[in-house]
Each structure stands twice: as C-alpha cells, then as structure tokens.
C-alpha cells in the first residue's frame, strides 16, 4: 500500500512539472547565426534533411533530445553530395540555448 501511495505522488509530481517552453524566435535566430539554414529548411529538402523529417525520425524515442544535442554540438561527419564533411556546431555553448534549438527542431 505504501508503495502505491509513493507511486501516486511521483506520478502527480511528474504531471505537475511544467513543460519546457520553446522560444521559437531565439531558436530560429541561433540556427540562422549558426548557418543551419544553409543545409536545412523546415519542410523542404536541401543538402540536409528538413527539420520536419528530423522530428519524425526521433518522434517517440526516449533518447531523441540527447542524440540530437550530440549531433549539433560535436561536429560529426555527414555525407553531402556523396562526400563526407563535418556537420557545423551550434554557435553557442550555453546548454539552455542548445536545449531550446533541439526542442525547437523536435517540435516541428
């Protein structure tokens, strides 16, 4: 019985936690500053996949935010026109800025 009460309280606290609110203007501004729109668009294919496709790829995956954060902060190798290049990093080391951009992409 005691475990059931703890579970109920944990669930209630989890539901009461505020959702992270994406600052769309700030996310888009940082993406532009970082050169993301050279290769990506919201819903059109360019050299990189559109953000809507990226969001769809990660939808429902528990590690989506972590994987996308790693991708935009570590300059992994990506294939563009058949050749390998380093993916550009976001031009911010502030974890809140990075989280905002990642959440913005995932919310497309």
PDB file of N, CA and C in Angstrom:
ATOM      1  N   UNK A   1       0.819  -1.192   0.000  1.00  0.00           N
ATOM      2  CA  UNK A   1       0.000   0.000   0.000  1.00  0.00           C
ATOM      3  C   UNK A   1       0.864   1.257   0.000  1.00  0.00           C
ATOM      4  N   UNK A   2       1.915   1.241   0.824  1.00  0.00           N
ATOM      5  CA  UNK A   2       2.805   2.391   0.915  1.00  0.00           C
ATOM      6  C   UNK A   2       3.460   2.688  -0.440  1.00  0.00           C
ATOM      7  N   UNK A   3       3.835   1.626  -1.168  1.00  0.00           N
ATOM      8  CA  UNK A   3       4.437   1.812  -2.492  1.00  0.00           C
ATOM      9  C   UNK A   3       3.445   2.459  -3.451  1.00  0.00           C
ATOM     10  N   UNK A   4       2.193   2.087  -3.345  1.00  0.00           N
ATOM     11  CA  UNK A   4       1.158   2.637  -4.200  1.00  0.00           C
ATOM     12  C   UNK A   4       1.002   4.137  -3.953  1.00  0.00           C
ATOM     13  N   UNK A   5       1.066   4.546  -2.706  1.00  0.00           N
ATOM     14  CA  UNK A   5       0.975   5.970  -2.378  1.00  0.00           C
ATOM     15  C   UNK A   5       2.173   6.712  -2.949  1.00  0.00           C
ATOM     16  N   UNK A   6       3.392   6.148  -2.793  1.00  0.00           N
ATOM     17  CA  UNK A   6       4.587   6.791  -3.339  1.00  0.00           C
ATOM     18  C   UNK A   6       4.505   6.895  -4.862  1.00  0.00           C
ATOM     19  N   UNK A   7       4.009   5.839  -5.490  1.00  0.00           N
ATOM     20  CA  UNK A   7       3.869   5.865  -6.941  1.00  0.00           C
ATOM     21  C   UNK A   7       2.895   6.959  -7.364  1.00  0.00           C
ATOM     22  N   UNK A   8       1.775   7.043  -6.635  1.00  0.00           N
ATOM     23  CA  UNK A   8       0.768   8.062  -6.951  1.00  0.00           C
ATOM     24  C   UNK A   8       1.311   9.467  -6.786  1.00  0.00           C
ATOM     25  N   UNK A   9       2.075   9.696  -5.715  1.00  0.00           N
ATOM     26  CA  UNK A   9       2.679  11.018  -5.508  1.00  0.00           C
ATOM     27  C   UNK A   9       3.697  11.327  -6.592  1.00  0.00           C
ATOM     28  N   UNK A  10       4.508  10.335  -6.949  1.00  0.00           N
ATOM     29  CA  UNK A  10       5.512  10.542  -8.001  1.00  0.00           C
ATOM     30  C   UNK A  10       4.831  10.868  -9.320  1.00  0.00           C
ATOM     31  N   UNK A  11       3.753  10.177  -9.617  1.00  0.00           N
ATOM     32  CA  UNK A  11       3.028  10.442 -10.865  1.00  0.00           C
ATOM     33  C   UNK A  11       2.423  11.837 -10.851  1.00  0.00           C
ATOM     34  N   UNK A  12       1.853  12.229  -9.713  1.00  0.00           N
ATOM     35  CA  UNK A  12       1.244  13.556  -9.606  1.00  0.00           C
ATOM     36  C   UNK A  12       2.285  14.647  -9.743  1.00  0.00           C
ATOM     37  N   UNK A  13       3.436  14.460  -9.115  1.00  0.00           N
ATOM     38  CA  UNK A  13       4.512  15.449  -9.226  1.00  0.00           C
ATOM     39  C   UNK A  13       4.992  15.521 -10.670  1.00  0.00           C
ATOM     40  N   UNK A  14       5.131  14.380 -11.325  1.00  0.00           N
ATOM     41  CA  UNK A  14       5.567  14.360 -12.720  1.00  0.00           C
ATOM     42  C   UNK A  14       4.600  15.084 -13.633  1.00  0.00           C
ATOM     43  N   UNK A  15       3.317  14.925 -13.369  1.00  0.00           N
ATOM     44  CA  UNK A  15       2.312  15.593 -14.186  1.00  0.00           C
ATOM     45  C   UNK A  15       2.264  17.091 -13.905  1.00  0.00           C
ATOM     46  N   UNK A  16       2.617  17.473 -12.680  1.00  0.00           N
ATOM     47  CA  UNK A  16       2.554  18.872 -12.306  1.00  0.00           C
ATOM     48  C   UNK A  16       3.759  19.663 -12.808  1.00  0.00           C
ATOM     49  N   UNK A  17       4.826  18.970 -13.190  1.00  0.00           N
ATOM     50  CA  UNK A  17       6.027  19.664 -13.653  1.00  0.00           C
ATOM     51  C   UNK A  17       5.715  20.414 -14.944  1.00  0.00           C
ATOM     52  N   UNK A  18       6.121  21.668 -15.039  1.00  0.00           N
ATOM     53  CA  UNK A  18       5.827  22.431 -16.246  1.00  0.00           C
ATOM     54  C   UNK A  18       6.614  21.904 -17.440  1.00  0.00           C
ATOM     55  N   UNK A  19       5.992  21.923 -18.591  1.00  0.00           N
ATOM     56  CA  UNK A  19       6.670  21.514 -19.816  1.00  0.00           C
ATOM     57  C   UNK A  19       7.647  22.603 -20.229  1.00  0.00           C
ATOM     58  N   UNK A  20       8.704  22.185 -20.908  1.00  0.00           N
ATOM     59  CA  UNK A  20       9.696  23.133 -21.381  1.00  0.00           C
ATOM     60  C   UNK A  20       9.083  23.942 -22.521  1.00  0.00           C
ATOM     61  N   UNK A  21       9.076  25.241 -22.395  1.00  0.00           N
ATOM     62  CA  UNK A  21       8.507  26.116 -23.422  1.00  0.00           C
ATOM     63  C   UNK A  21       9.613  26.547 -24.383  1.00  0.00           C
ATOM     64  N   UNK A  22       9.440  26.227 -25.635  1.00  0.00           N
ATOM     65  CA  UNK A  22      10.424  26.569 -26.656  1.00  0.00           C
ATOM     66  C   UNK A  22      10.288  28.048 -27.019  1.00  0.00           C
ATOM     67  N   UNK A  23      11.402  28.743 -27.032  1.00  0.00           N
ATOM     68  CA  UNK A  23      11.439  30.125 -27.516  1.00  0.00           C
ATOM     69  C   UNK A  23      11.785  30.040 -29.002  1.00  0.00           C
ATOM     70  N   UNK A  24      10.736  29.994 -29.829  1.00  0.00           N
ATOM     71  CA  UNK A  24      10.920  29.766 -31.266  1.00  0.00           C
ATOM     72  C   UNK A  24      11.774  30.837 -31.922  1.00  0.00           C
ATOM     73  N   UNK A  25      11.554  32.093 -31.569  1.00  0.00           N
ATOM     74  CA  UNK A  25      12.324  33.180 -32.175  1.00  0.00           C
ATOM     75  C   UNK A  25      13.808  33.048 -31.850  1.00  0.00           C
ATOM     76  N   UNK A  26      14.123  32.728 -30.601  1.00  0.00           N
ATOM     77  CA  UNK A  26      15.525  32.573 -30.198  1.00  0.00           C
ATOM     78  C   UNK A  26      16.160  31.356 -30.872  1.00  0.00           C
ATOM     79  N   UNK A  27      15.413  30.265 -30.962  1.00  0.00           N
ATOM     80  CA  UNK A  27      15.929  29.050 -31.603  1.00  0.00           C
ATOM     81  C   UNK A  27      16.221  29.299 -33.078  1.00  0.00           C
ATOM     82  N   UNK A  28      15.285  29.920 -33.759  1.00  0.00           N
ATOM     83  CA  UNK A  28      15.483  30.203 -35.184  1.00  0.00           C
ATOM     84  C   UNK A  28      16.639  31.180 -35.388  1.00  0.00           C
ATOM     85  N   UNK A  29      16.764  32.171 -34.517  1.00  0.00           N
ATOM     86  CA  UNK A  29      17.862  33.138 -34.626  1.00  0.00           C
ATOM     87  C   UNK A  29      19.211  32.445 -34.445  1.00  0.00           C
ATOM     88  N   UNK A  30      19.323  31.549 -33.460  1.00  0.00           N
ATOM     89  CA  UNK A  30      20.580  30.836 -33.257  1.00  0.00           C
ATOM     90  C   UNK A  30      20.864  29.886 -34.416  1.00  0.00           C
ATOM     91  N   UNK A  31      19.839  29.251 -34.938  1.00  0.00           N
ATOM     92  CA  UNK A  31      20.018  28.366 -36.094  1.00  0.00           C
ATOM     93  C   UNK A  31      20.519  29.167 -37.301  1.00  0.00           C
ATOM     94  N   UNK A  32      19.971  30.340 -37.510  1.00  0.00           N
ATOM     95  CA  UNK A  32      20.439  31.200 -38.615  1.00  0.00           C
ATOM     96  C   UNK A  32      21.878  31.642 -38.385  1.00  0.00           C
ATOM     97  N   UNK A  33      22.175  32.105 -37.174  1.00  0.00           N
ATOM     98  CA  UNK A  33      23.528  32.549 -36.822  1.00  0.00           C
ATOM     99  C   UNK A  33      24.540  31.413 -37.010  1.00  0.00           C
ATOM    100  N   UNK A  34      24.113  30.190 -36.728  1.00  0.00           N
ATOM    101  CA  UNK A  34      24.990  29.028 -36.819  1.00  0.00           C
ATOM    102  C   UNK A  34      25.096  28.468 -38.236  1.00  0.00           C
ATOM    103  N   UNK A  35      24.342  29.022 -39.175  1.00  0.00           N
ATOM    104  CA  UNK A  35      24.407  28.570 -40.564  1.00  0.00           C
ATOM    105  C   UNK A  35      23.591  27.326 -40.859  1.00  0.00           C
ATOM    106  N   UNK A  36      22.698  26.952 -39.963  1.00  0.00           N
ATOM    107  CA  UNK A  36      21.908  25.730 -40.141  1.00  0.00           C
ATOM    108  C   UNK A  36      21.035  25.764 -41.400  1.00  0.00           C
ATOM    109  N   UNK A  37      20.532  26.969 -41.719  1.00  0.00           N
ATOM    110  CA  UNK A  37      19.609  27.075 -42.853  1.00  0.00           C
ATOM    111  C   UNK A  37      20.312  27.009 -44.203  1.00  0.00           C
ATOM    112  N   UNK A  38      21.638  26.943 -44.206  1.00  0.00           N
ATOM    113  CA  UNK A  38      22.346  26.709 -45.472  1.00  0.00           C
ATOM    114  C   UNK A  38      22.035  25.311 -45.990  1.00  0.00           C
ATOM    115  N   UNK A  39      21.900  24.361 -45.062  1.00  0.00           N
ATOM    116  CA  UNK A  39      21.686  22.965 -45.450  1.00  0.00           C
ATOM    117  C   UNK A  39      20.315  22.410 -45.070  1.00  0.00           C
ATOM    118  N   UNK A  40      19.619  23.076 -44.144  1.00  0.00           N
ATOM    119  CA  UNK A  40      18.321  22.593 -43.666  1.00  0.00           C
ATOM    120  C   UNK A  40      17.246  23.646 -43.870  1.00  0.00           C
ATOM    121  N   UNK A  41      16.014  23.173 -43.993  1.00  0.00           N
ATOM    122  CA  UNK A  41      14.830  24.026 -44.018  1.00  0.00           C
ATOM    123  C   UNK A  41      13.799  23.364 -43.113  1.00  0.00           C
ATOM    124  N   UNK A  42      12.714  24.039 -42.863  1.00  0.00           N
ATOM    125  CA  UNK A  42      11.669  23.474 -42.004  1.00  0.00           C
ATOM    126  C   UNK A  42      11.032  22.260 -42.676  1.00  0.00           C
ATOM    127  N   UNK A  43      10.607  22.430 -43.928  1.00  0.00           N
ATOM    128  CA  UNK A  43       9.861  21.345 -44.566  1.00  0.00           C
ATOM    129  C   UNK A  43      10.292  21.036 -45.992  1.00  0.00           C
ATOM    130  N   UNK A  44      11.451  21.543 -46.415  1.00  0.00           N
ATOM    131  CA  UNK A  44      11.938  21.262 -47.768  1.00  0.00           C
ATOM    132  C   UNK A  44      13.309  20.614 -47.702  1.00  0.00           C
ATOM    133  N   UNK A  45      13.552  19.673 -48.587  1.00  0.00           N
ATOM    134  CA  UNK A  45      14.848  19.000 -48.668  1.00  0.00           C
ATOM    135  C   UNK A  45      15.868  19.954 -49.274  1.00  0.00           C
ATOM    136  N   UNK A  46      16.992  20.081 -48.601  1.00  0.00           N
ATOM    137  CA  UNK A  46      18.143  20.813 -49.126  1.00  0.00           C
ATOM    138  C   UNK A  46      19.305  19.828 -49.079  1.00  0.00           C
ATOM    139  N   UNK A  47      20.514  20.267 -48.798  1.00  0.00           N
ATOM    140  CA  UNK A  47      21.622  19.319 -48.639  1.00  0.00           C
ATOM    141  C   UNK A  47      21.389  18.404 -47.444  1.00  0.00           C
ATOM    142  N   UNK A  48      20.751  18.935 -46.406  1.00  0.00           N
ATOM    143  CA  UNK A  48      20.401  18.155 -45.222  1.00  0.00           C
ATOM    144  C   UNK A  48      18.903  17.947 -45.176  1.00  0.00           C
ATOM    145  N   UNK A  49      18.464  17.026 -44.333  1.00  0.00           N
ATOM    146  CA  UNK A  49      17.018  16.766 -44.246  1.00  0.00           C
ATOM    147  C   UNK A  49      16.272  17.943 -43.626  1.00  0.00           C
ATOM    148  N   UNK A  50      14.995  18.112 -43.988  1.00  0.00           N
ATOM    149  CA  UNK A  50      14.186  19.168 -43.362  1.00  0.00           C
ATOM    150  C   UNK A  50      13.953  18.855 -41.891  1.00  0.00           C
ATOM    151  N   UNK A  51      13.741  19.894 -41.093  1.00  0.00           N
ATOM    152  CA  UNK A  51      13.517  19.712 -39.665  1.00  0.00           C
ATOM    153  C   UNK A  51      12.294  18.855 -39.380  1.00  0.00           C
ATOM    154  N   UNK A  52      11.262  18.930 -40.222  1.00  0.00           N
ATOM    155  CA  UNK A  52      10.075  18.087 -40.023  1.00  0.00           C
ATOM    156  C   UNK A  52      10.444  16.607 -40.153  1.00  0.00           C
ATOM    157  N   UNK A  53      11.343  16.280 -41.078  1.00  0.00           N
ATOM    158  CA  UNK A  53      11.787  14.896 -41.247  1.00  0.00           C
ATOM    159  C   UNK A  53      12.619  14.446 -40.047  1.00  0.00           C
ATOM    160  N   UNK A  54      13.472  15.327 -39.552  1.00  0.00           N
ATOM    161  CA  UNK A  54      14.287  15.011 -38.373  1.00  0.00           C
ATOM    162  C   UNK A  54      13.376  14.760 -37.175  1.00  0.00           C
ATOM    163  N   UNK A  55      12.393  15.627 -36.975  1.00  0.00           N
ATOM    164  CA  UNK A  55      11.451  15.458 -35.862  1.00  0.00           C
ATOM    165  C   UNK A  55      10.717  14.126 -35.988  1.00  0.00           C
ATOM    166  N   UNK A  56      10.311  13.770 -37.193  1.00  0.00           N
ATOM    167  CA  UNK A  56       9.626  12.498 -37.423  1.00  0.00           C
ATOM    168  C   UNK A  56      10.512  11.300 -37.120  1.00  0.00           C
ATOM    169  N   UNK A  57      11.781  11.404 -37.474  1.00  0.00           N
ATOM    170  CA  UNK A  57      12.739  10.322 -37.228  1.00  0.00           C
ATOM    171  C   UNK A  57      12.877  10.050 -35.731  1.00  0.00           C
ATOM    172  N   UNK A  58      12.861  11.094 -34.936  1.00  0.00           N
ATOM    173  CA  UNK A  58      13.075  10.963 -33.490  1.00  0.00           C
ATOM    174  C   UNK A  58      11.785  10.849 -32.678  1.00  0.00           C
ATOM    175  N   UNK A  59      10.636  11.014 -33.308  1.00  0.00           N
ATOM    176  CA  UNK A  59       9.362  11.020 -32.584  1.00  0.00           C
ATOM    177  C   UNK A  59       9.186   9.744 -31.760  1.00  0.00           C
ATOM    178  N   UNK A  60       8.861   9.946 -30.484  1.00  0.00           N
ATOM    179  CA  UNK A  60       8.601   8.823 -29.594  1.00  0.00           C
ATOM    180  C   UNK A  60       9.830   8.126 -29.055  1.00  0.00           C
ATOM    181  N   UNK A  61      11.019   8.594 -29.402  1.00  0.00           N
ATOM    182  CA  UNK A  61      12.252   7.960 -28.924  1.00  0.00           C
ATOM    183  C   UNK A  61      12.744   8.679 -27.669  1.00  0.00           C
ATOM    184  N   UNK A  62      12.974   7.909 -26.624  1.00  0.00           N
ATOM    185  CA  UNK A  62      13.378   8.473 -25.338  1.00  0.00           C
ATOM    186  C   UNK A  62      14.715   9.207 -25.417  1.00  0.00           C
ATOM    187  N   UNK A  63      15.582   8.788 -26.306  1.00  0.00           N
ATOM    188  CA  UNK A  63      16.921   9.398 -26.398  1.00  0.00           C
ATOM    189  C   UNK A  63      17.017  10.461 -27.483  1.00  0.00           C
ATOM    190  N   UNK A  64      15.892  10.905 -27.998  1.00  0.00           N
ATOM    191  CA  UNK A  64      15.886  11.862 -29.108  1.00  0.00           C
ATOM    192  C   UNK A  64      16.641  13.143 -28.774  1.00  0.00           C
ATOM    193  N   UNK A  65      16.329  13.740 -27.648  1.00  0.00           N
ATOM    194  CA  UNK A  65      16.960  15.013 -27.285  1.00  0.00           C
ATOM    195  C   UNK A  65      18.471  14.850 -27.113  1.00  0.00           C
ATOM    196  N   UNK A  66      18.872  13.773 -26.449  1.00  0.00           N
ATOM    197  CA  UNK A  66      20.301  13.526 -26.220  1.00  0.00           C
ATOM    198  C   UNK A  66      21.038  13.315 -27.540  1.00  0.00           C
ATOM    199  N   UNK A  67      20.463  12.512 -28.433  1.00  0.00           N
ATOM    200  CA  UNK A  67      21.124  12.238 -29.713  1.00  0.00           C
ATOM    201  C   UNK A  67      21.228  13.496 -30.572  1.00  0.00           C
ATOM    202  N   UNK A  68      20.165  14.265 -30.634  1.00  0.00           N
ATOM    203  CA  UNK A  68      20.190  15.480 -31.444  1.00  0.00           C
ATOM    204  C   UNK A  68      21.133  16.518 -30.829  1.00  0.00           C
ATOM    205  N   UNK A  69      21.167  16.600 -29.517  1.00  0.00           N
ATOM    206  CA  UNK A  69      22.093  17.513 -28.843  1.00  0.00           C
ATOM    207  C   UNK A  69      23.534  17.153 -29.197  1.00  0.00           C
ATOM    208  N   UNK A  70      23.853  15.877 -29.136  1.00  0.00           N
ATOM    209  CA  UNK A  70      25.201  15.429 -29.513  1.00  0.00           C
ATOM    210  C   UNK A  70      25.501  15.809 -30.953  1.00  0.00           C
ATOM    211  N   UNK A  71      24.528  15.615 -31.827  1.00  0.00           N
ATOM    212  CA  UNK A  71      24.732  15.907 -33.252  1.00  0.00           C
ATOM    213  C   UNK A  71      25.035  17.391 -33.506  1.00  0.00           C
ATOM    214  N   UNK A  72      24.336  18.280 -32.823  1.00  0.00           N
ATOM    215  CA  UNK A  72      24.516  19.709 -33.105  1.00  0.00           C
ATOM    216  C   UNK A  72      25.648  20.349 -32.307  1.00  0.00           C
ATOM    217  N   UNK A  73      26.287  19.562 -31.423  1.00  0.00           N
ATOM    218  CA  UNK A  73      27.356  20.142 -30.600  1.00  0.00           C
ATOM    219  C   UNK A  73      28.720  19.482 -30.786  1.00  0.00           C
ATOM    220  N   UNK A  74      28.815  18.437 -31.600  1.00  0.00           N
ATOM    221  CA  UNK A  74      30.087  17.711 -31.695  1.00  0.00           C
ATOM    222  C   UNK A  74      30.700  17.653 -33.091  1.00  0.00           C
ATOM    223  N   UNK A  75      30.091  18.253 -34.073  1.00  0.00           N
ATOM    224  CA  UNK A  75      30.603  18.264 -35.458  1.00  0.00           C
ATOM    225  C   UNK A  75      30.873  16.863 -36.009  1.00  0.00           C
ATOM    226  N   UNK A  76      29.851  15.993 -36.009  1.00  0.00           N
ATOM    227  CA  UNK A  76      30.050  14.658 -36.574  1.00  0.00           C
ATOM    228  C   UNK A  76      30.208  14.729 -38.092  1.00  0.00           C
ATOM    229  N   UNK A  77      30.710  13.677 -38.676  1.00  0.00           N
ATOM    230  CA  UNK A  77      30.825  13.594 -40.132  1.00  0.00           C
ATOM    231  C   UNK A  77      29.446  13.308 -40.725  1.00  0.00           C
ATOM    232  N   UNK A  78      29.104  14.019 -41.797  1.00  0.00           N
ATOM    233  CA  UNK A  78      27.855  13.795 -42.528  1.00  0.00           C
ATOM    234  C   UNK A  78      28.180  13.721 -44.008  1.00  0.00           C
ATOM    235  N   UNK A  79      27.329  13.031 -44.771  1.00  0.00           N
ATOM    236  CA  UNK A  79      27.534  12.945 -46.217  1.00  0.00           C
ATOM    237  C   UNK A  79      26.691  13.982 -46.918  1.00  0.00           C
ATOM    238  N   UNK A  80      27.356  14.800 -47.740  1.00  0.00           N
ATOM    239  CA  UNK A  80      26.680  15.809 -48.545  1.00  0.00           C
ATOM    240  C   UNK A  80      27.177  15.639 -49.973  1.00  0.00           C
ATOM    241  N   UNK A  81      26.234  15.403 -50.873  1.00  0.00           N
ATOM    242  CA  UNK A  81      26.574  15.181 -52.279  1.00  0.00           C
ATOM    243  C   UNK A  81      27.648  14.107 -52.435  1.00  0.00           C
ATOM    244  N   UNK A  82      27.540  13.041 -51.639  1.00  0.00           N
ATOM    245  CA  UNK A  82      28.452  11.910 -51.755  1.00  0.00           C
ATOM    246  C   UNK A  82      29.805  12.084 -51.088  1.00  0.00           C
ATOM    247  N   UNK A  83      30.071  13.243 -50.522  1.00  0.00           N
ATOM    248  CA  UNK A  83      31.352  13.413 -49.828  1.00  0.00           C
ATOM    249  C   UNK A  83      31.118  13.694 -48.354  1.00  0.00           C
ATOM    250  N   UNK A  84      32.081  13.278 -47.533  1.00  0.00           N
ATOM    251  CA  UNK A  84      31.958  13.443 -46.093  1.00  0.00           C
ATOM    252  C   UNK A  84      32.467  14.807 -45.659  1.00  0.00           C
ATOM    253  N   UNK A  85      31.668  15.466 -44.822  1.00  0.00           N
ATOM    254  CA  UNK A  85      32.034  16.778 -44.285  1.00  0.00           C
ATOM    255  C   UNK A  85      31.684  16.800 -42.804  1.00  0.00           C
ATOM    256  N   UNK A  86      32.280  17.728 -42.065  1.00  0.00           N
ATOM    257  CA  UNK A  86      31.909  17.907 -40.671  1.00  0.00           C
ATOM    258  C   UNK A  86      30.625  18.719 -40.596  1.00  0.00           C
ATOM    259  N   UNK A  87      29.694  18.245 -39.791  1.00  0.00           N
ATOM    260  CA  UNK A  87      28.464  18.996 -39.544  1.00  0.00           C
ATOM    261  C   UNK A  87      28.830  20.192 -38.679  1.00  0.00           C
ATOM    262  N   UNK A  88      28.337  21.353 -39.008  1.00  0.00           N
ATOM    263  CA  UNK A  88      28.621  22.556 -38.221  1.00  0.00           C
ATOM    264  C   UNK A  88      28.015  22.435 -36.826  1.00  0.00           C
ATOM    265  N   UNK A  89      28.671  23.034 -35.843  1.00  0.00           N
ATOM    266  CA  UNK A  89      28.156  23.068 -34.478  1.00  0.00           C
ATOM    267  C   UNK A  89      27.338  24.334 -34.276  1.00  0.00           C
ATOM    268  N   UNK A  90      26.420  24.255 -33.327  1.00  0.00           N
ATOM    269  CA  UNK A  90      25.699  25.475 -32.952  1.00  0.00           C
ATOM    270  C   UNK A  90      26.695  26.487 -32.414  1.00  0.00           C
ATOM    271  N   UNK A  91      26.460  27.738 -32.692  1.00  0.00           N
ATOM    272  CA  UNK A  91      27.360  28.792 -32.255  1.00  0.00           C
ATOM    273  C   UNK A  91      26.973  29.285 -30.855  1.00  0.00           C
ATOM    274  N   UNK A  92      26.795  28.348 -29.943  1.00  0.00           N
ATOM    275  CA  UNK A  92      26.531  28.650 -28.535  1.00  0.00           C
ATOM    276  C   UNK A  92      26.916  27.423 -27.727  1.00  0.00           C
ATOM    277  N   UNK A  93      27.569  27.656 -26.607  1.00  0.00           N
ATOM    278  CA  UNK A  93      27.909  26.571 -25.681  1.00  0.00           C
ATOM    279  C   UNK A  93      26.945  26.559 -24.495  1.00  0.00           C
ATOM    280  N   UNK A  94      26.023  27.523 -24.445  1.00  0.00           N
ATOM    281  CA  UNK A  94      25.063  27.618 -23.357  1.00  0.00           C
ATOM    282  C   UNK A  94      24.074  26.447 -23.458  1.00  0.00           C
ATOM    283  N   UNK A  95      24.048  25.568 -22.455  1.00  0.00           N
ATOM    284  CA  UNK A  95      23.147  24.413 -22.504  1.00  0.00           C
ATOM    285  C   UNK A  95      21.680  24.789 -22.710  1.00  0.00           C
ATOM    286  N   UNK A  96      21.255  25.926 -22.182  1.00  0.00           N
ATOM    287  CA  UNK A  96      19.858  26.354 -22.360  1.00  0.00           C
ATOM    288  C   UNK A  96      19.589  26.714 -23.817  1.00  0.00           C
ATOM    289  N   UNK A  97      20.544  27.372 -24.483  1.00  0.00           N
ATOM    290  CA  UNK A  97      20.396  27.700 -25.906  1.00  0.00           C
ATOM    291  C   UNK A  97      20.332  26.433 -26.748  1.00  0.00           C
ATOM    292  N   UNK A  98      21.215  25.491 -26.454  1.00  0.00           N
ATOM    293  CA  UNK A  98      21.263  24.232 -27.206  1.00  0.00           C
ATOM    294  C   UNK A  98      19.957  23.476 -27.010  1.00  0.00           C
ATOM    295  N   UNK A  99      19.502  23.364 -25.755  1.00  0.00           N
ATOM    296  CA  UNK A  99      18.246  22.660 -25.480  1.00  0.00           C
ATOM    297  C   UNK A  99      17.091  23.320 -26.225  1.00  0.00           C
ATOM    298  N   UNK A 100      17.077  24.631 -26.255  1.00  0.00           N
ATOM    299  CA  UNK A 100      15.998  25.349 -26.930  1.00  0.00           C
ATOM    300  C   UNK A 100      15.978  25.016 -28.421  1.00  0.00           C
ATOM    301  N   UNK A 101      17.134  25.008 -29.070  1.00  0.00           N
ATOM    302  CA  UNK A 101      17.195  24.689 -30.504  1.00  0.00           C
ATOM    303  C   UNK A 101      16.791  23.236 -30.747  1.00  0.00           C
ATOM    304  N   UNK A 102      17.297  22.331 -29.925  1.00  0.00           N
ATOM    305  CA  UNK A 102      16.960  20.913 -30.081  1.00  0.00           C
ATOM    306  C   UNK A 102      15.455  20.704 -29.912  1.00  0.00           C
ATOM    307  N   UNK A 103      14.871  21.317 -28.880  1.00  0.00           N
ATOM    308  CA  UNK A 103      13.429  21.195 -28.667  1.00  0.00           C
ATOM    309  C   UNK A 103      12.653  21.831 -29.827  1.00  0.00           C
ATOM    310  N   UNK A 104      13.155  22.913 -30.351  1.00  0.00           N
ATOM    311  CA  UNK A 104      12.517  23.572 -31.498  1.00  0.00           C
ATOM    312  C   UNK A 104      12.504  22.628 -32.702  1.00  0.00           C
ATOM    313  N   UNK A 105      13.640  21.998 -32.988  1.00  0.00           N
ATOM    314  CA  UNK A 105      13.707  21.063 -34.114  1.00  0.00           C
ATOM    315  C   UNK A 105      12.732  19.900 -33.880  1.00  0.00           C
ATOM    316  N   UNK A 106      12.753  19.341 -32.679  1.00  0.00           N
ATOM    317  CA  UNK A 106      11.902  18.186 -32.381  1.00  0.00           C
ATOM    318  C   UNK A 106      10.411  18.548 -32.378  1.00  0.00           C
ATOM    319  N   UNK A 107      10.081  19.819 -32.243  1.00  0.00           N
ATOM    320  CA  UNK A 107       8.668  20.220 -32.225  1.00  0.00           C
ATOM    321  C   UNK A 107       8.114  20.533 -33.604  1.00  0.00           C
ATOM    322  N   UNK A 108       8.927  20.416 -34.620  1.00  0.00           N
ATOM    323  CA  UNK A 108       8.455  20.724 -35.977  1.00  0.00           C
ATOM    324  C   UNK A 108       7.403  19.759 -36.401  1.00  0.00           C
TER     325      UNK A 108
END
